[in-house]
Each structure stands twice: as structure tokens, then as C-alpha cells.
Amino acid sequence: MVRGLDYYSRTTFEFTHGELGAQSAVLGGGRYDGLSEQLGGPKAPGIGFAIGEDRLVLALQAQQAVALRPLKAFVAPLGREPTVML
């Protein structure tokens, strides 16, 4: 995944829909711990996201026309600490 925004740190995420063609991203975001300092502000870790409302509507409309398929998910924990997933 390449969001093209270099201020993200550690975790990034993106939700896509296969029926939207080449530009399939619906929602994306991540952590940006150093962004405030880069802009001259105080240390303020954060997380944020953006959603394309037009793409969300298109995805919902496409979903009505597609038979239900099994959910495919990929989770890739990063870091030094072991992660327990339930």
C-alpha cells in the first residue's frame, strides 16, 4: 500500500472495494506521531483517516449487485512487542 503521504509513522491502513476498478480505495489513514513537530508545533502524537464519500456510495451500490463472498483480510502487526490477536 502506498498512500503517498510520508508523515505517517508505524501503522497505516486502507479499505478497498474490488468493484470500484483501479482506484478502489474507500478509506485510509494511519498514525502521524511527528507531524505536529514538522509543522512547528508541540509534540502531539495522533491518528487520523479520510473517507471518500462518493466511493463509499459507489461501493455500497456495487455490493447490492454482488453475491456475498467470503471475507478476505490481511493483518500484518509490526514492531518489537509480540502481539496477541483474539
N, C-alpha and C. Protein backbone atom coordinates (compact mmCIF):
# COMPACT_ATOMS: atom_id res chain seq x y z
N MET A 1 0.85 -1.18 0.00
CA MET A 1 0.00 0.00 0.00
C MET A 1 0.89 1.23 0.00
N VAL A 2 0.62 2.13 -0.88
CA VAL A 2 1.36 3.38 -0.93
C VAL A 2 0.35 4.51 -0.93
N ARG A 3 0.29 5.25 0.14
CA ARG A 3 -0.66 6.35 0.24
C ARG A 3 -0.07 7.65 -0.26
N GLY A 4 1.27 7.71 -0.44
CA GLY A 4 1.89 8.92 -0.95
C GLY A 4 2.06 10.02 0.07
N LEU A 5 1.86 9.73 1.33
CA LEU A 5 1.99 10.72 2.38
C LEU A 5 3.08 10.26 3.34
N ASP A 6 4.20 10.97 3.37
CA ASP A 6 5.35 10.50 4.14
C ASP A 6 5.31 10.87 5.62
N TYR A 7 4.28 11.55 6.09
CA TYR A 7 4.24 11.89 7.51
C TYR A 7 3.66 10.78 8.38
N TYR A 8 3.17 9.72 7.78
CA TYR A 8 2.69 8.60 8.58
C TYR A 8 3.85 7.89 9.26
N SER A 9 3.60 7.40 10.47
CA SER A 9 4.60 6.61 11.19
C SER A 9 3.93 5.32 11.66
N ARG A 10 4.68 4.26 11.61
CA ARG A 10 4.20 2.95 12.05
C ARG A 10 2.96 2.48 11.30
N THR A 11 1.80 2.59 11.89
CA THR A 11 0.59 1.96 11.37
C THR A 11 -0.07 2.80 10.28
N THR A 12 -0.38 2.17 9.15
CA THR A 12 -1.23 2.79 8.14
C THR A 12 -2.30 1.77 7.76
N PHE A 13 -3.41 2.24 7.25
CA PHE A 13 -4.47 1.32 6.86
C PHE A 13 -5.23 1.89 5.67
N GLU A 14 -5.84 0.98 4.94
CA GLU A 14 -6.62 1.36 3.78
C GLU A 14 -7.70 0.31 3.56
N PHE A 15 -8.91 0.75 3.31
CA PHE A 15 -10.00 -0.15 2.98
C PHE A 15 -10.32 0.04 1.50
N THR A 16 -10.39 -1.07 0.78
CA THR A 16 -10.66 -1.02 -0.65
C THR A 16 -11.89 -1.87 -0.98
N HIS A 17 -12.43 -1.64 -2.17
CA HIS A 17 -13.56 -2.43 -2.65
C HIS A 17 -13.24 -2.85 -4.07
N GLY A 18 -13.28 -4.14 -4.32
CA GLY A 18 -12.87 -4.70 -5.60
C GLY A 18 -13.73 -4.32 -6.79
N GLU A 19 -14.91 -3.81 -6.57
CA GLU A 19 -15.81 -3.47 -7.68
C GLU A 19 -15.65 -2.02 -8.14
N LEU A 20 -14.66 -1.29 -7.60
CA LEU A 20 -14.51 0.12 -7.95
C LEU A 20 -13.45 0.37 -9.02
N GLY A 21 -12.83 -0.67 -9.54
CA GLY A 21 -11.82 -0.51 -10.58
C GLY A 21 -10.45 -0.19 -10.01
N ALA A 22 -9.66 0.54 -10.81
CA ALA A 22 -8.26 0.81 -10.45
C ALA A 22 -8.13 1.68 -9.21
N GLN A 23 -9.04 2.60 -9.00
CA GLN A 23 -9.00 3.46 -7.83
C GLN A 23 -10.00 2.93 -6.81
N SER A 24 -9.59 1.85 -6.13
CA SER A 24 -10.53 1.10 -5.29
C SER A 24 -10.53 1.52 -3.82
N ALA A 25 -9.68 2.47 -3.42
CA ALA A 25 -9.63 2.87 -2.01
C ALA A 25 -10.90 3.60 -1.62
N VAL A 26 -11.46 3.21 -0.47
CA VAL A 26 -12.65 3.86 0.07
C VAL A 26 -12.27 4.72 1.27
N LEU A 27 -11.37 4.21 2.11
CA LEU A 27 -10.99 4.88 3.35
C LEU A 27 -9.53 4.56 3.62
N GLY A 28 -8.78 5.51 4.16
CA GLY A 28 -7.38 5.25 4.51
C GLY A 28 -6.90 6.23 5.55
N GLY A 29 -5.85 5.83 6.25
CA GLY A 29 -5.29 6.70 7.28
C GLY A 29 -4.15 6.03 7.99
N GLY A 30 -3.82 6.53 9.18
CA GLY A 30 -2.75 5.96 9.96
C GLY A 30 -2.27 6.88 11.07
N ARG A 31 -1.15 6.47 11.69
CA ARG A 31 -0.53 7.27 12.75
C ARG A 31 0.39 8.31 12.14
N TYR A 32 0.42 9.47 12.75
CA TYR A 32 1.35 10.51 12.31
C TYR A 32 1.94 11.20 13.53
N ASP A 33 2.78 10.45 14.25
CA ASP A 33 3.32 10.92 15.51
C ASP A 33 4.18 12.18 15.39
N GLY A 34 4.93 12.37 14.31
CA GLY A 34 5.82 13.52 14.20
C GLY A 34 5.28 14.69 13.40
N LEU A 35 4.04 14.63 12.96
CA LEU A 35 3.51 15.67 12.08
C LEU A 35 3.44 17.04 12.74
N SER A 36 2.99 17.10 13.97
CA SER A 36 2.88 18.39 14.65
C SER A 36 4.23 19.08 14.76
N GLU A 37 5.27 18.32 15.11
CA GLU A 37 6.61 18.90 15.22
C GLU A 37 7.12 19.38 13.85
N GLN A 38 6.82 18.61 12.78
CA GLN A 38 7.25 19.00 11.43
C GLN A 38 6.62 20.33 11.02
N LEU A 39 5.46 20.62 11.55
CA LEU A 39 4.76 21.86 11.22
C LEU A 39 5.06 22.99 12.20
N GLY A 40 6.03 22.74 13.13
CA GLY A 40 6.44 23.77 14.09
C GLY A 40 5.64 23.78 15.37
N GLY A 41 4.83 22.78 15.62
CA GLY A 41 4.01 22.73 16.82
C GLY A 41 4.62 21.86 17.90
N PRO A 42 3.89 21.67 18.98
CA PRO A 42 4.37 20.83 20.08
C PRO A 42 4.27 19.35 19.72
N LYS A 43 4.91 18.51 20.53
CA LYS A 43 4.81 17.08 20.34
C LYS A 43 3.37 16.65 20.62
N ALA A 44 2.74 16.06 19.62
CA ALA A 44 1.34 15.66 19.76
C ALA A 44 1.08 14.45 18.87
N PRO A 45 1.30 13.23 19.41
CA PRO A 45 1.04 12.04 18.60
C PRO A 45 -0.43 11.98 18.20
N GLY A 46 -0.68 11.38 17.05
CA GLY A 46 -2.07 11.33 16.61
C GLY A 46 -2.32 10.23 15.61
N ILE A 47 -3.59 10.05 15.31
CA ILE A 47 -4.03 9.11 14.30
C ILE A 47 -5.20 9.77 13.57
N GLY A 48 -5.30 9.50 12.30
CA GLY A 48 -6.38 10.10 11.54
C GLY A 48 -6.73 9.27 10.32
N PHE A 49 -7.83 9.63 9.67
CA PHE A 49 -8.25 8.92 8.47
C PHE A 49 -9.09 9.86 7.61
N ALA A 50 -9.25 9.48 6.38
CA ALA A 50 -10.12 10.20 5.45
C ALA A 50 -10.96 9.17 4.71
N ILE A 51 -12.17 9.56 4.39
CA ILE A 51 -13.06 8.66 3.67
C ILE A 51 -13.59 9.38 2.43
N GLY A 52 -13.63 8.67 1.33
CA GLY A 52 -14.21 9.21 0.11
C GLY A 52 -15.68 8.86 0.08
N GLU A 53 -16.53 9.83 0.40
CA GLU A 53 -17.97 9.55 0.49
C GLU A 53 -18.53 9.08 -0.84
N ASP A 54 -18.04 9.64 -1.94
CA ASP A 54 -18.53 9.20 -3.25
C ASP A 54 -18.15 7.75 -3.51
N ARG A 55 -16.93 7.36 -3.12
CA ARG A 55 -16.51 5.96 -3.31
C ARG A 55 -17.28 5.03 -2.38
N LEU A 56 -17.59 5.50 -1.17
CA LEU A 56 -18.38 4.68 -0.25
C LEU A 56 -19.75 4.40 -0.84
N VAL A 57 -20.39 5.42 -1.41
CA VAL A 57 -21.71 5.23 -2.04
C VAL A 57 -21.60 4.26 -3.20
N LEU A 58 -20.57 4.43 -4.04
CA LEU A 58 -20.38 3.51 -5.17
C LEU A 58 -20.15 2.08 -4.69
N ALA A 59 -19.37 1.92 -3.62
CA ALA A 59 -19.10 0.58 -3.08
C ALA A 59 -20.37 -0.05 -2.54
N LEU A 60 -21.20 0.73 -1.85
CA LEU A 60 -22.45 0.20 -1.32
C LEU A 60 -23.40 -0.19 -2.45
N GLN A 61 -23.45 0.61 -3.50
CA GLN A 61 -24.29 0.28 -4.65
C GLN A 61 -23.79 -0.98 -5.34
N ALA A 62 -22.47 -1.11 -5.49
CA ALA A 62 -21.90 -2.29 -6.13
C ALA A 62 -22.13 -3.53 -5.29
N GLN A 63 -22.10 -3.38 -3.97
CA GLN A 63 -22.28 -4.52 -3.07
C GLN A 63 -23.68 -5.11 -3.22
N GLN A 64 -24.66 -4.29 -3.52
CA GLN A 64 -26.02 -4.79 -3.68
C GLN A 64 -26.12 -5.72 -4.88
N ALA A 65 -25.27 -5.50 -5.88
CA ALA A 65 -25.33 -6.30 -7.11
C ALA A 65 -24.43 -7.53 -7.07
N VAL A 66 -23.60 -7.68 -6.04
CA VAL A 66 -22.64 -8.78 -5.97
C VAL A 66 -23.10 -9.79 -4.91
N ALA A 67 -23.04 -11.05 -5.26
CA ALA A 67 -23.37 -12.10 -4.28
C ALA A 67 -22.35 -12.06 -3.15
N LEU A 68 -22.78 -12.41 -1.97
CA LEU A 68 -21.86 -12.41 -0.82
C LEU A 68 -20.73 -13.40 -1.03
N ARG A 69 -19.51 -12.94 -0.77
CA ARG A 69 -18.32 -13.77 -0.89
C ARG A 69 -17.64 -13.82 0.47
N PRO A 70 -16.77 -14.82 0.69
CA PRO A 70 -16.06 -14.88 1.96
C PRO A 70 -15.18 -13.64 2.16
N LEU A 71 -15.09 -13.19 3.39
CA LEU A 71 -14.27 -12.04 3.74
C LEU A 71 -12.80 -12.39 3.62
N LYS A 72 -12.02 -11.54 2.97
CA LYS A 72 -10.59 -11.71 2.89
C LYS A 72 -9.94 -10.60 3.69
N ALA A 73 -9.08 -10.96 4.62
CA ALA A 73 -8.42 -9.97 5.45
C ALA A 73 -6.95 -10.32 5.60
N PHE A 74 -6.12 -9.29 5.64
CA PHE A 74 -4.69 -9.46 5.85
C PHE A 74 -4.29 -8.54 6.98
N VAL A 75 -3.78 -9.10 8.07
CA VAL A 75 -3.34 -8.33 9.22
C VAL A 75 -1.85 -8.54 9.37
N ALA A 76 -1.09 -7.45 9.40
CA ALA A 76 0.37 -7.54 9.50
C ALA A 76 0.84 -6.69 10.67
N PRO A 77 0.92 -7.27 11.87
CA PRO A 77 1.43 -6.50 13.02
C PRO A 77 2.92 -6.23 12.85
N LEU A 78 3.33 -5.01 13.16
CA LEU A 78 4.74 -4.62 13.07
C LEU A 78 5.21 -4.13 14.43
N GLY A 79 6.47 -4.31 14.71
CA GLY A 79 7.04 -3.79 15.95
C GLY A 79 7.79 -4.86 16.70
N ARG A 80 8.38 -4.44 17.80
CA ARG A 80 9.20 -5.36 18.59
C ARG A 80 8.40 -6.17 19.58
N GLU A 81 7.28 -5.65 20.03
CA GLU A 81 6.47 -6.35 21.03
C GLU A 81 5.62 -7.43 20.36
N PRO A 82 5.55 -8.62 20.98
CA PRO A 82 4.66 -9.64 20.42
C PRO A 82 3.21 -9.19 20.54
N THR A 83 2.43 -9.51 19.54
CA THR A 83 1.03 -9.11 19.51
C THR A 83 0.16 -10.35 19.67
N VAL A 84 -0.81 -10.25 20.56
CA VAL A 84 -1.76 -11.34 20.76
C VAL A 84 -3.06 -10.91 20.11
N MET A 85 -3.51 -11.70 19.14
CA MET A 85 -4.75 -11.39 18.44
C MET A 85 -5.80 -12.43 18.79
N LEU A 86 -6.96 -11.98 19.20
CA LEU A 86 -8.04 -12.90 19.56
C LEU A 86 -9.07 -12.95 18.47
